Every structure is written in structure tokens, then in C-alpha cells.
């Protein structure tokens, strides 16, 4: 079952039927969900020698590029792993994030500690976020709005239940409907539709 989940997660990231890279304009790759300059999904303070940078271009930005078949455009702040103690109290472990084990990408806590990015900002696949959000609604709290690419709002489909719910999560977390105006009104309009239909 787990291997099926991993295969479908891989397929979701790298084979998306709805991705239409041909319609994006030149300035869009550097815009966030508010239609403003894309912020850094910055790992420079994380002291992670194996994974010092993120983004397909490894420039600490979730920049749209046609070469990124995985669509790594959602910036999240990967939380520290939560560990239950013998006393039944939960504590944080800053050396690794349980995001990788919760999503099935790491086989174990040791695998996550040794082979995957540590806690902090990271660009994740927008298709995987849509799929995982249904199982992990708390992932909404991890979104960094200023560093999440506009392409996420533009390309998530309202008629796909997973994508619509993920879009509603981005719109709600980022308050896009109240923070966008003028020539970027189409972003607010799409968020209004997603929130009405899928929230």
C-alpha cells in the first residue's frame, strides 16, 4: 500500500495532466500568490549542509520554469519533528522533520534524519500538496505566502476536488481575496470561487 502511495505521489508530481506551461507569461515565473515579486523560500539560516538551498533552480525561490516537471512552487516551512516522550509529552526535535515520514517519502525517522532536508523553508510539488492536503489539513499552516508561486493559483483546477481544496487552503492562509486588487484581480476572483466551492 505504501509503495502504491509513493508511486502515485511520484506520478502526481511529475505527470500532471492539467499543467500547461505554454500559457505562462515571462513575468509570471517571479510572482507570488499576490501577483507581487516572489519572495525567498530561504534556507540560508538552516545550516543544512546536504540541502543548503531549495527550488528547482536551487536559488531559494519556488520559481516557475518549464524544466521543473515536478512543479515545486509551494513554499512551506517544514516543521521540526514531534516526538512523544516516555511521559506522554510531545517535544520537538530540531534535527529532522516528520514531514518526510508523514508523506511516505522517507522510509523511517532515521531515513528522514540522514537523507532528507531538515526543518525550514522548502519548495514542494504543488500536485503533491494538493494530494496530501486532504490527508494532512495541518499542512495549510506551513505555507509561506510571499514565497509561493502565483502559478499555484493560476493552475490549480476548480473542477478537481483535490486541487480545489488545496487552492482554497492557499487562498485562506494567504487571504488572497483581501490582499489583491487592480490588474491582479483575477487571482482574488479565482480564490473567491475556490473558497465558495471547496472550503
N, C-alpha and C. Protein backbone atom coordinates (compact mmCIF):
# COMPACT_ATOMS: atom_id res chain seq x y z
N UNK A 1 0.82 -1.19 0.00
CA UNK A 1 0.00 0.00 0.00
C UNK A 1 0.87 1.26 0.00
N UNK A 2 1.94 1.25 0.85
CA UNK A 2 2.82 2.41 0.93
C UNK A 2 3.53 2.64 -0.39
N UNK A 3 3.99 1.54 -1.05
CA UNK A 3 4.68 1.72 -2.33
C UNK A 3 3.72 2.27 -3.37
N UNK A 4 2.44 1.88 -3.30
CA UNK A 4 1.44 2.43 -4.22
C UNK A 4 1.29 3.92 -3.99
N UNK A 5 1.28 4.35 -2.69
CA UNK A 5 1.19 5.77 -2.38
C UNK A 5 2.39 6.52 -2.94
N UNK A 6 3.59 5.96 -2.78
CA UNK A 6 4.80 6.62 -3.28
C UNK A 6 4.79 6.73 -4.79
N UNK A 7 4.34 5.67 -5.47
CA UNK A 7 4.26 5.72 -6.93
C UNK A 7 3.26 6.77 -7.36
N UNK A 8 2.11 6.82 -6.69
CA UNK A 8 1.11 7.82 -7.07
C UNK A 8 1.58 9.22 -6.73
N UNK A 9 2.33 9.38 -5.63
CA UNK A 9 2.88 10.68 -5.28
C UNK A 9 3.89 11.12 -6.33
N UNK A 10 4.74 10.18 -6.77
CA UNK A 10 5.71 10.48 -7.83
C UNK A 10 4.97 10.87 -9.11
N UNK A 11 3.97 10.10 -9.46
CA UNK A 11 3.20 10.40 -10.68
C UNK A 11 2.53 11.75 -10.57
N UNK A 12 2.01 12.04 -9.40
CA UNK A 12 1.32 13.30 -9.17
C UNK A 12 2.26 14.48 -9.37
N UNK A 13 3.49 14.33 -8.94
CA UNK A 13 4.47 15.42 -9.07
C UNK A 13 4.98 15.56 -10.49
N UNK A 14 5.22 14.47 -11.16
CA UNK A 14 5.92 14.55 -12.42
C UNK A 14 5.05 14.36 -13.66
N UNK A 15 3.82 13.94 -13.46
CA UNK A 15 2.93 13.78 -14.62
C UNK A 15 1.60 14.43 -14.26
N UNK A 16 1.47 15.69 -14.54
CA UNK A 16 0.23 16.38 -14.22
C UNK A 16 -0.53 16.71 -15.50
N UNK A 17 -1.71 16.17 -15.67
CA UNK A 17 -2.46 16.42 -16.90
C UNK A 17 -2.91 17.86 -17.03
N UNK A 18 -2.98 18.59 -15.93
CA UNK A 18 -3.51 19.95 -16.02
C UNK A 18 -2.43 21.01 -16.22
N UNK A 19 -1.16 20.64 -16.10
CA UNK A 19 -0.10 21.64 -16.24
C UNK A 19 -0.01 22.09 -17.69
N UNK A 20 -0.08 23.38 -17.92
CA UNK A 20 0.02 23.93 -19.26
C UNK A 20 1.06 25.04 -19.24
N UNK A 21 2.32 24.64 -19.32
CA UNK A 21 3.42 25.60 -19.21
C UNK A 21 3.46 26.57 -20.37
N UNK A 22 2.80 26.27 -21.47
CA UNK A 22 2.87 27.13 -22.64
C UNK A 22 2.12 28.45 -22.46
N UNK A 23 1.21 28.52 -21.47
CA UNK A 23 0.39 29.72 -21.35
C UNK A 23 0.93 30.76 -20.36
N UNK A 24 2.02 30.46 -19.68
CA UNK A 24 2.53 31.41 -18.70
C UNK A 24 3.33 32.51 -19.39
N UNK A 25 3.23 33.72 -18.88
CA UNK A 25 3.96 34.84 -19.46
C UNK A 25 5.33 34.97 -18.83
N UNK A 26 6.16 35.79 -19.42
CA UNK A 26 7.54 35.92 -18.97
C UNK A 26 7.66 36.41 -17.54
N UNK A 27 6.82 37.36 -17.11
CA UNK A 27 6.97 37.90 -15.76
C UNK A 27 6.38 36.99 -14.68
N UNK A 28 5.45 36.13 -15.03
CA UNK A 28 4.78 35.28 -14.05
C UNK A 28 5.71 34.38 -13.24
N UNK A 29 6.80 33.85 -13.80
CA UNK A 29 7.63 32.93 -13.01
C UNK A 29 8.17 33.56 -11.73
N UNK A 30 8.17 34.87 -11.63
CA UNK A 30 8.75 35.56 -10.49
C UNK A 30 7.70 36.28 -9.66
N UNK A 31 6.45 35.82 -9.72
CA UNK A 31 5.37 36.43 -8.94
C UNK A 31 4.84 35.44 -7.91
N UNK A 32 4.43 35.98 -6.76
CA UNK A 32 3.84 35.14 -5.73
C UNK A 32 2.32 35.13 -5.86
N UNK A 33 1.64 34.53 -4.91
CA UNK A 33 0.18 34.37 -4.99
C UNK A 33 -0.57 35.70 -4.95
N UNK A 34 0.12 36.78 -4.58
CA UNK A 34 -0.49 38.11 -4.57
C UNK A 34 -0.22 38.87 -5.87
N UNK A 35 0.53 38.23 -6.80
CA UNK A 35 0.90 38.92 -8.03
C UNK A 35 2.04 39.90 -7.82
N UNK A 36 2.76 39.76 -6.73
CA UNK A 36 3.90 40.63 -6.42
C UNK A 36 5.19 39.83 -6.58
N UNK A 37 6.31 40.49 -6.39
CA UNK A 37 7.60 39.84 -6.55
C UNK A 37 7.70 38.62 -5.63
N UNK A 38 8.09 37.50 -6.20
CA UNK A 38 8.22 36.25 -5.47
C UNK A 38 9.30 36.37 -4.39
N UNK A 39 8.94 36.07 -3.16
CA UNK A 39 9.88 36.13 -2.06
C UNK A 39 10.77 34.90 -2.00
N UNK A 40 11.77 34.96 -1.16
CA UNK A 40 12.67 33.83 -0.97
C UNK A 40 12.03 32.76 -0.10
N UNK A 41 12.23 31.53 -0.49
CA UNK A 41 11.93 30.37 0.35
C UNK A 41 13.31 30.00 0.91
N UNK A 42 13.77 30.82 1.81
CA UNK A 42 15.19 30.94 2.12
C UNK A 42 15.69 29.94 3.16
N UNK A 43 16.61 29.08 2.74
CA UNK A 43 17.20 28.08 3.63
C UNK A 43 18.56 28.51 4.17
N UNK A 44 19.03 29.70 3.88
CA UNK A 44 20.40 30.06 4.25
C UNK A 44 20.66 29.99 5.75
N UNK A 45 19.65 30.16 6.58
CA UNK A 45 19.85 30.13 8.02
C UNK A 45 19.70 28.73 8.61
N UNK A 46 19.39 27.75 7.80
CA UNK A 46 19.06 26.42 8.32
C UNK A 46 20.25 25.53 8.64
N UNK A 47 21.43 25.88 8.18
CA UNK A 47 22.62 25.08 8.47
C UNK A 47 22.43 23.62 8.08
N UNK A 48 22.00 23.40 6.86
CA UNK A 48 21.75 22.06 6.35
C UNK A 48 22.74 21.79 5.23
N UNK A 49 23.89 21.18 5.52
CA UNK A 49 24.94 21.02 4.52
C UNK A 49 24.53 20.17 3.31
N UNK A 50 23.63 19.22 3.50
CA UNK A 50 23.20 18.38 2.37
C UNK A 50 22.21 19.11 1.48
N UNK A 51 21.39 19.97 2.05
CA UNK A 51 20.32 20.65 1.33
C UNK A 51 20.36 22.14 1.67
N UNK A 52 21.41 22.86 1.26
CA UNK A 52 21.53 24.27 1.66
C UNK A 52 20.59 25.22 0.93
N UNK A 53 20.05 24.78 -0.21
CA UNK A 53 19.15 25.63 -0.99
C UNK A 53 17.95 24.82 -1.46
N UNK A 54 16.91 25.52 -1.90
CA UNK A 54 15.71 24.87 -2.40
C UNK A 54 15.29 25.52 -3.71
N UNK A 55 14.22 25.00 -4.29
CA UNK A 55 13.75 25.46 -5.59
C UNK A 55 14.43 24.67 -6.69
N UNK A 56 13.75 24.51 -7.80
CA UNK A 56 14.31 23.74 -8.90
C UNK A 56 15.65 24.31 -9.36
N UNK A 57 15.76 25.63 -9.34
CA UNK A 57 17.00 26.29 -9.77
C UNK A 57 18.01 26.42 -8.63
N UNK A 58 17.65 25.92 -7.45
CA UNK A 58 18.49 25.98 -6.25
C UNK A 58 18.94 27.41 -5.94
N UNK A 59 17.96 28.33 -6.06
CA UNK A 59 18.21 29.75 -5.76
C UNK A 59 17.34 30.23 -4.61
N UNK A 60 16.78 29.28 -3.85
CA UNK A 60 15.90 29.58 -2.72
C UNK A 60 14.63 30.32 -3.15
N UNK A 61 14.17 30.03 -4.36
CA UNK A 61 12.90 30.56 -4.85
C UNK A 61 12.11 29.44 -5.50
N UNK A 62 10.80 29.46 -5.30
CA UNK A 62 9.92 28.48 -5.93
C UNK A 62 9.50 29.03 -7.30
N UNK A 63 10.48 29.25 -8.13
CA UNK A 63 10.31 29.87 -9.44
C UNK A 63 9.72 28.90 -10.44
N UNK A 64 8.74 29.39 -11.21
CA UNK A 64 8.21 28.57 -12.30
C UNK A 64 9.27 28.45 -13.39
N UNK A 65 9.48 27.24 -13.86
CA UNK A 65 10.31 27.01 -15.03
C UNK A 65 9.78 25.78 -15.75
N UNK A 66 9.79 25.81 -17.05
CA UNK A 66 9.27 24.69 -17.83
C UNK A 66 10.04 23.40 -17.57
N UNK A 67 11.30 23.52 -17.14
CA UNK A 67 12.12 22.35 -16.89
C UNK A 67 11.70 21.60 -15.62
N UNK A 68 10.99 22.27 -14.71
CA UNK A 68 10.60 21.65 -13.44
C UNK A 68 9.32 20.84 -13.63
N UNK A 69 9.49 19.60 -14.06
CA UNK A 69 8.33 18.73 -14.28
C UNK A 69 7.60 18.44 -12.97
N UNK A 70 8.27 18.63 -11.84
CA UNK A 70 7.66 18.37 -10.54
C UNK A 70 6.86 19.53 -10.00
N UNK A 71 6.91 20.68 -10.65
CA UNK A 71 6.13 21.86 -10.23
C UNK A 71 6.32 22.18 -8.74
N UNK A 72 7.55 22.42 -8.34
CA UNK A 72 7.88 22.71 -6.93
C UNK A 72 7.68 24.20 -6.65
N UNK A 73 6.41 24.60 -6.52
CA UNK A 73 6.06 26.01 -6.45
C UNK A 73 5.40 26.43 -5.15
N UNK A 74 5.17 25.50 -4.22
CA UNK A 74 4.57 25.83 -2.94
C UNK A 74 5.70 25.89 -1.91
N UNK A 75 5.91 27.07 -1.33
CA UNK A 75 6.92 27.20 -0.28
C UNK A 75 6.26 26.89 1.06
N UNK A 76 6.83 25.92 1.76
CA UNK A 76 6.35 25.59 3.09
C UNK A 76 7.50 25.68 4.08
N UNK A 77 7.16 25.90 5.32
CA UNK A 77 8.16 25.89 6.39
C UNK A 77 8.05 24.53 7.05
N UNK A 78 8.95 23.62 6.69
CA UNK A 78 8.92 22.27 7.24
C UNK A 78 9.14 22.33 8.74
N UNK A 79 8.19 21.83 9.48
CA UNK A 79 8.25 21.90 10.94
C UNK A 79 9.25 20.89 11.49
N UNK A 80 9.64 21.12 12.73
CA UNK A 80 10.51 20.19 13.44
C UNK A 80 9.70 18.95 13.79
N UNK A 81 10.37 17.81 13.82
CA UNK A 81 9.69 16.55 14.15
C UNK A 81 9.13 16.63 15.57
N UNK A 82 7.95 16.05 15.74
CA UNK A 82 7.33 15.96 17.06
C UNK A 82 7.53 14.54 17.59
N UNK A 83 8.15 14.47 18.74
CA UNK A 83 8.50 13.18 19.34
C UNK A 83 7.74 13.03 20.66
N UNK A 84 7.12 11.87 20.84
CA UNK A 84 6.45 11.58 22.11
C UNK A 84 7.48 11.05 23.09
N UNK A 85 7.51 11.60 24.28
CA UNK A 85 8.43 11.14 25.31
C UNK A 85 7.79 10.02 26.11
N UNK A 86 8.56 9.38 26.98
CA UNK A 86 8.04 8.31 27.84
C UNK A 86 6.95 8.82 28.76
N UNK A 87 6.98 10.11 29.07
CA UNK A 87 5.97 10.71 29.94
C UNK A 87 4.70 11.07 29.17
N UNK A 88 4.67 10.80 27.88
CA UNK A 88 3.50 11.12 27.07
C UNK A 88 3.43 12.56 26.61
N UNK A 89 4.51 13.28 26.81
CA UNK A 89 4.58 14.68 26.40
C UNK A 89 5.26 14.74 25.04
N UNK A 90 4.81 15.63 24.20
CA UNK A 90 5.40 15.79 22.88
C UNK A 90 6.48 16.87 22.93
N UNK A 91 7.61 16.59 22.31
CA UNK A 91 8.68 17.58 22.22
C UNK A 91 9.14 17.67 20.77
N UNK A 92 9.78 18.76 20.44
CA UNK A 92 10.28 18.95 19.08
C UNK A 92 11.73 18.51 18.98
N UNK A 93 12.07 17.91 17.84
CA UNK A 93 13.45 17.54 17.55
C UNK A 93 13.89 18.40 16.37
N UNK A 94 14.79 19.35 16.57
CA UNK A 94 15.18 20.28 15.50
C UNK A 94 16.10 19.67 14.45
N UNK A 95 16.50 18.41 14.62
CA UNK A 95 17.45 17.82 13.68
C UNK A 95 16.79 17.20 12.45
N UNK A 96 15.46 17.06 12.47
CA UNK A 96 14.77 16.48 11.32
C UNK A 96 13.31 16.89 11.32
N UNK A 97 12.64 16.67 10.18
CA UNK A 97 11.22 16.98 10.07
C UNK A 97 10.44 15.70 9.76
N UNK A 98 9.31 15.52 10.45
CA UNK A 98 8.48 14.35 10.21
C UNK A 98 7.61 14.50 8.95
N UNK A 99 7.74 15.63 8.27
CA UNK A 99 7.02 15.82 7.00
C UNK A 99 7.34 14.68 6.04
N UNK A 100 8.63 14.30 5.99
CA UNK A 100 9.05 13.28 5.02
C UNK A 100 8.50 11.90 5.37
N UNK A 101 8.34 11.60 6.65
CA UNK A 101 7.77 10.30 7.02
C UNK A 101 6.25 10.33 6.90
N UNK A 102 5.62 11.46 7.26
CA UNK A 102 4.16 11.57 7.16
C UNK A 102 3.69 11.45 5.71
N UNK A 103 4.48 11.93 4.78
CA UNK A 103 4.09 11.87 3.37
C UNK A 103 4.57 10.59 2.69
N UNK A 104 5.30 9.74 3.42
CA UNK A 104 5.76 8.47 2.86
C UNK A 104 6.99 8.59 1.99
N UNK A 105 7.61 9.74 1.96
CA UNK A 105 8.80 9.90 1.12
C UNK A 105 10.05 9.35 1.80
N UNK A 106 10.11 9.42 3.13
CA UNK A 106 11.19 8.80 3.89
C UNK A 106 10.65 7.51 4.50
N UNK A 107 11.47 6.46 4.49
CA UNK A 107 11.02 5.15 4.97
C UNK A 107 10.94 5.06 6.48
N UNK A 108 11.71 5.93 7.16
CA UNK A 108 11.76 5.88 8.62
C UNK A 108 12.27 7.22 9.14
N UNK A 109 12.23 7.36 10.46
CA UNK A 109 12.78 8.58 11.07
C UNK A 109 14.27 8.69 10.77
N UNK A 110 14.99 7.57 10.82
CA UNK A 110 16.42 7.61 10.51
C UNK A 110 16.66 8.03 9.06
N UNK A 111 15.84 7.53 8.15
CA UNK A 111 15.95 7.92 6.74
C UNK A 111 15.72 9.43 6.60
N UNK A 112 14.69 9.94 7.28
CA UNK A 112 14.39 11.37 7.22
C UNK A 112 15.53 12.20 7.80
N UNK A 113 16.11 11.74 8.90
CA UNK A 113 17.21 12.46 9.54
C UNK A 113 18.45 12.53 8.67
N UNK A 114 18.74 11.43 7.98
CA UNK A 114 20.01 11.31 7.26
C UNK A 114 19.96 11.66 5.78
N UNK A 115 18.78 11.60 5.16
CA UNK A 115 18.74 11.70 3.70
C UNK A 115 17.80 12.76 3.14
N UNK A 116 17.09 13.46 4.00
CA UNK A 116 16.10 14.42 3.52
C UNK A 116 16.37 15.79 4.11
N UNK A 117 15.86 16.87 3.49
CA UNK A 117 16.08 18.22 4.03
C UNK A 117 15.59 18.35 5.47
N UNK A 118 16.33 19.13 6.23
CA UNK A 118 16.00 19.39 7.63
C UNK A 118 14.87 20.43 7.71
N UNK A 119 14.35 20.68 8.92
CA UNK A 119 13.28 21.68 9.07
C UNK A 119 13.68 23.03 8.49
N UNK A 120 12.67 23.77 8.06
CA UNK A 120 12.89 25.09 7.49
C UNK A 120 12.19 25.21 6.14
N UNK A 121 12.38 26.31 5.45
CA UNK A 121 11.71 26.54 4.18
C UNK A 121 12.10 25.50 3.12
N UNK A 122 11.10 25.11 2.30
CA UNK A 122 11.35 24.15 1.23
C UNK A 122 10.26 24.30 0.17
N UNK A 123 10.64 24.25 -1.10
CA UNK A 123 9.68 24.28 -2.21
C UNK A 123 9.19 22.87 -2.46
N UNK A 124 7.88 22.64 -2.30
CA UNK A 124 7.33 21.31 -2.54
C UNK A 124 6.47 21.32 -3.80
N UNK A 125 6.22 20.15 -4.30
CA UNK A 125 5.43 19.94 -5.52
C UNK A 125 3.97 20.35 -5.28
N UNK A 126 3.45 21.22 -6.15
CA UNK A 126 2.08 21.68 -5.98
C UNK A 126 1.07 20.55 -6.14
N UNK A 127 1.37 19.57 -6.98
CA UNK A 127 0.44 18.44 -7.20
C UNK A 127 0.44 17.53 -5.97
N UNK A 128 1.61 17.31 -5.39
CA UNK A 128 1.69 16.50 -4.18
C UNK A 128 1.00 17.23 -3.03
N UNK A 129 1.17 18.55 -2.94
CA UNK A 129 0.49 19.31 -1.90
C UNK A 129 -1.03 19.13 -2.02
N UNK A 130 -1.54 19.19 -3.24
CA UNK A 130 -2.98 19.02 -3.44
C UNK A 130 -3.43 17.64 -2.97
N UNK A 131 -2.66 16.64 -3.28
CA UNK A 131 -3.00 15.27 -2.88
C UNK A 131 -2.87 15.08 -1.36
N UNK A 132 -1.79 15.59 -0.79
CA UNK A 132 -1.52 15.38 0.63
C UNK A 132 -2.41 16.23 1.53
N UNK A 133 -2.84 17.38 1.05
CA UNK A 133 -3.63 18.28 1.89
C UNK A 133 -4.89 17.60 2.41
N UNK A 134 -5.53 16.76 1.61
CA UNK A 134 -6.72 16.05 2.05
C UNK A 134 -6.46 15.17 3.26
N UNK A 135 -5.25 14.60 3.35
CA UNK A 135 -4.89 13.72 4.46
C UNK A 135 -4.25 14.49 5.61
N UNK A 136 -3.70 15.67 5.30
CA UNK A 136 -2.97 16.45 6.30
C UNK A 136 -3.39 17.93 6.21
N UNK A 137 -4.60 18.27 6.65
CA UNK A 137 -5.04 19.66 6.56
C UNK A 137 -4.16 20.63 7.34
N UNK A 138 -3.39 20.12 8.30
CA UNK A 138 -2.49 20.98 9.05
C UNK A 138 -1.35 21.52 8.18
N UNK A 139 -1.13 20.93 7.01
CA UNK A 139 -0.10 21.44 6.10
C UNK A 139 -0.39 22.88 5.67
N UNK A 140 -1.66 23.28 5.74
CA UNK A 140 -2.01 24.66 5.40
C UNK A 140 -1.21 25.65 6.24
N UNK A 141 -0.96 25.33 7.49
CA UNK A 141 -0.24 26.22 8.38
C UNK A 141 1.23 26.38 8.00
N UNK A 142 1.74 25.49 7.16
CA UNK A 142 3.15 25.52 6.77
C UNK A 142 3.41 26.44 5.57
N UNK A 143 2.37 26.88 4.88
CA UNK A 143 2.53 27.67 3.65
C UNK A 143 3.15 29.03 3.93
N UNK A 144 4.15 29.38 3.13
CA UNK A 144 4.74 30.73 3.15
C UNK A 144 4.18 31.45 1.92
N UNK A 145 3.25 32.36 2.15
CA UNK A 145 2.51 33.00 1.06
C UNK A 145 3.39 33.84 0.14
N UNK A 146 4.27 34.63 0.70
CA UNK A 146 5.07 35.54 -0.13
C UNK A 146 6.05 34.79 -1.02
N UNK A 147 6.34 33.52 -0.66
CA UNK A 147 7.31 32.74 -1.43
C UNK A 147 6.66 31.62 -2.24
N UNK A 148 5.32 31.52 -2.21
CA UNK A 148 4.60 30.53 -3.03
C UNK A 148 4.26 31.16 -4.36
N UNK A 149 4.55 30.44 -5.43
CA UNK A 149 4.42 30.98 -6.77
C UNK A 149 2.98 31.18 -7.20
N UNK A 150 2.75 32.25 -7.92
CA UNK A 150 1.42 32.57 -8.48
C UNK A 150 0.87 31.42 -9.33
N UNK A 151 1.75 30.67 -9.95
CA UNK A 151 1.34 29.55 -10.81
C UNK A 151 0.41 28.60 -10.07
N UNK A 152 0.56 28.48 -8.76
CA UNK A 152 -0.30 27.60 -7.96
C UNK A 152 -1.75 28.06 -8.06
N UNK A 153 -1.98 29.37 -7.90
CA UNK A 153 -3.35 29.89 -8.01
C UNK A 153 -3.83 29.80 -9.46
N UNK A 154 -2.97 30.16 -10.38
CA UNK A 154 -3.35 30.14 -11.79
C UNK A 154 -3.69 28.74 -12.30
N UNK A 155 -2.96 27.73 -11.85
CA UNK A 155 -3.08 26.42 -12.49
C UNK A 155 -3.90 25.38 -11.74
N UNK A 156 -4.10 25.53 -10.43
CA UNK A 156 -5.00 24.58 -9.77
C UNK A 156 -6.38 24.69 -10.41
N UNK A 157 -7.01 23.55 -10.62
CA UNK A 157 -8.32 23.48 -11.28
C UNK A 157 -9.45 23.42 -10.27
N UNK A 158 -10.45 24.25 -10.47
CA UNK A 158 -11.61 24.28 -9.58
C UNK A 158 -12.47 23.03 -9.70
N UNK A 159 -12.42 22.35 -10.85
CA UNK A 159 -13.25 21.17 -11.03
C UNK A 159 -12.57 19.87 -10.57
N UNK A 160 -11.34 19.97 -10.07
CA UNK A 160 -10.65 18.82 -9.49
C UNK A 160 -10.75 18.97 -7.97
N UNK A 161 -11.43 18.05 -7.27
CA UNK A 161 -11.65 18.22 -5.83
C UNK A 161 -10.37 18.43 -5.01
N UNK A 162 -9.33 17.64 -5.27
CA UNK A 162 -8.08 17.80 -4.51
C UNK A 162 -7.44 19.16 -4.77
N UNK A 163 -7.38 19.55 -6.03
CA UNK A 163 -6.77 20.83 -6.38
C UNK A 163 -7.59 21.99 -5.85
N UNK A 164 -8.90 21.88 -5.91
CA UNK A 164 -9.77 22.95 -5.43
C UNK A 164 -9.62 23.14 -3.92
N UNK A 165 -9.57 22.04 -3.17
CA UNK A 165 -9.37 22.14 -1.72
C UNK A 165 -7.99 22.73 -1.40
N UNK A 166 -6.98 22.32 -2.14
CA UNK A 166 -5.63 22.85 -1.92
C UNK A 166 -5.59 24.34 -2.25
N UNK A 167 -6.25 24.73 -3.33
CA UNK A 167 -6.32 26.14 -3.70
C UNK A 167 -7.04 26.94 -2.61
N UNK A 168 -8.13 26.40 -2.11
CA UNK A 168 -8.86 27.08 -1.03
C UNK A 168 -7.96 27.26 0.19
N UNK A 169 -7.15 26.25 0.48
CA UNK A 169 -6.22 26.34 1.62
C UNK A 169 -5.21 27.46 1.40
N UNK A 170 -4.64 27.54 0.21
CA UNK A 170 -3.68 28.61 -0.10
C UNK A 170 -4.36 29.96 0.00
N UNK A 171 -5.55 30.08 -0.58
CA UNK A 171 -6.28 31.35 -0.58
C UNK A 171 -6.66 31.79 0.83
N UNK A 172 -7.08 30.83 1.65
CA UNK A 172 -7.47 31.13 3.03
C UNK A 172 -6.24 31.54 3.86
N UNK A 173 -5.20 30.73 3.79
CA UNK A 173 -3.98 31.02 4.56
C UNK A 173 -3.39 32.38 4.17
N UNK A 174 -3.39 32.67 2.89
CA UNK A 174 -2.76 33.89 2.39
C UNK A 174 -3.71 35.08 2.31
N UNK A 175 -5.00 34.85 2.54
CA UNK A 175 -6.01 35.91 2.48
C UNK A 175 -5.94 36.65 1.14
N UNK A 176 -5.83 35.88 0.07
CA UNK A 176 -5.64 36.44 -1.27
C UNK A 176 -6.79 37.35 -1.66
N UNK A 177 -8.02 37.00 -1.33
CA UNK A 177 -9.17 37.81 -1.76
C UNK A 177 -9.13 39.23 -1.21
N UNK A 178 -8.51 39.42 -0.05
CA UNK A 178 -8.45 40.75 0.55
C UNK A 178 -7.12 41.47 0.33
N UNK A 179 -6.14 40.76 -0.24
CA UNK A 179 -4.82 41.36 -0.38
C UNK A 179 -4.41 41.61 -1.83
N UNK A 180 -5.32 41.34 -2.76
CA UNK A 180 -5.01 41.50 -4.18
C UNK A 180 -6.05 42.43 -4.80
N UNK A 181 -5.59 43.31 -5.67
CA UNK A 181 -6.52 44.23 -6.34
C UNK A 181 -5.91 44.67 -7.67
N UNK A 182 -6.64 45.52 -8.37
CA UNK A 182 -6.14 46.08 -9.61
C UNK A 182 -5.98 45.05 -10.70
N UNK A 183 -4.85 45.08 -11.38
CA UNK A 183 -4.63 44.18 -12.52
C UNK A 183 -4.41 42.73 -12.09
N UNK A 184 -4.36 42.46 -10.80
CA UNK A 184 -4.20 41.09 -10.29
C UNK A 184 -5.53 40.55 -9.75
N UNK A 185 -6.62 41.21 -10.04
CA UNK A 185 -7.93 40.84 -9.52
C UNK A 185 -8.33 39.42 -9.88
N UNK A 186 -7.81 38.90 -11.00
CA UNK A 186 -8.16 37.53 -11.40
C UNK A 186 -7.73 36.51 -10.33
N UNK A 187 -6.65 36.81 -9.61
CA UNK A 187 -6.21 35.91 -8.53
C UNK A 187 -7.25 35.90 -7.41
N UNK A 188 -7.71 37.08 -7.01
CA UNK A 188 -8.73 37.18 -5.96
C UNK A 188 -10.03 36.52 -6.40
N UNK A 189 -10.40 36.72 -7.66
CA UNK A 189 -11.64 36.13 -8.17
C UNK A 189 -11.59 34.60 -8.13
N UNK A 190 -10.45 34.03 -8.53
CA UNK A 190 -10.34 32.58 -8.51
C UNK A 190 -10.37 32.06 -7.07
N UNK A 191 -9.73 32.79 -6.17
CA UNK A 191 -9.75 32.39 -4.76
C UNK A 191 -11.16 32.46 -4.19
N UNK A 192 -11.93 33.49 -4.56
CA UNK A 192 -13.32 33.59 -4.10
C UNK A 192 -14.10 32.37 -4.54
N UNK A 193 -13.91 31.95 -5.80
CA UNK A 193 -14.59 30.77 -6.30
C UNK A 193 -14.16 29.51 -5.54
N UNK A 194 -12.87 29.35 -5.30
CA UNK A 194 -12.37 28.17 -4.60
C UNK A 194 -12.89 28.11 -3.17
N UNK A 195 -12.90 29.25 -2.49
CA UNK A 195 -13.38 29.28 -1.12
C UNK A 195 -14.87 28.98 -1.04
N UNK A 196 -15.64 29.44 -2.02
CA UNK A 196 -17.08 29.18 -2.03
C UNK A 196 -17.38 27.72 -2.36
N UNK A 197 -16.58 27.14 -3.23
CA UNK A 197 -16.86 25.81 -3.72
C UNK A 197 -16.24 24.70 -2.87
N UNK A 198 -15.06 24.93 -2.33
CA UNK A 198 -14.28 23.83 -1.75
C UNK A 198 -13.81 24.03 -0.33
N UNK A 199 -14.10 25.15 0.30
CA UNK A 199 -13.58 25.39 1.66
C UNK A 199 -14.32 24.56 2.68
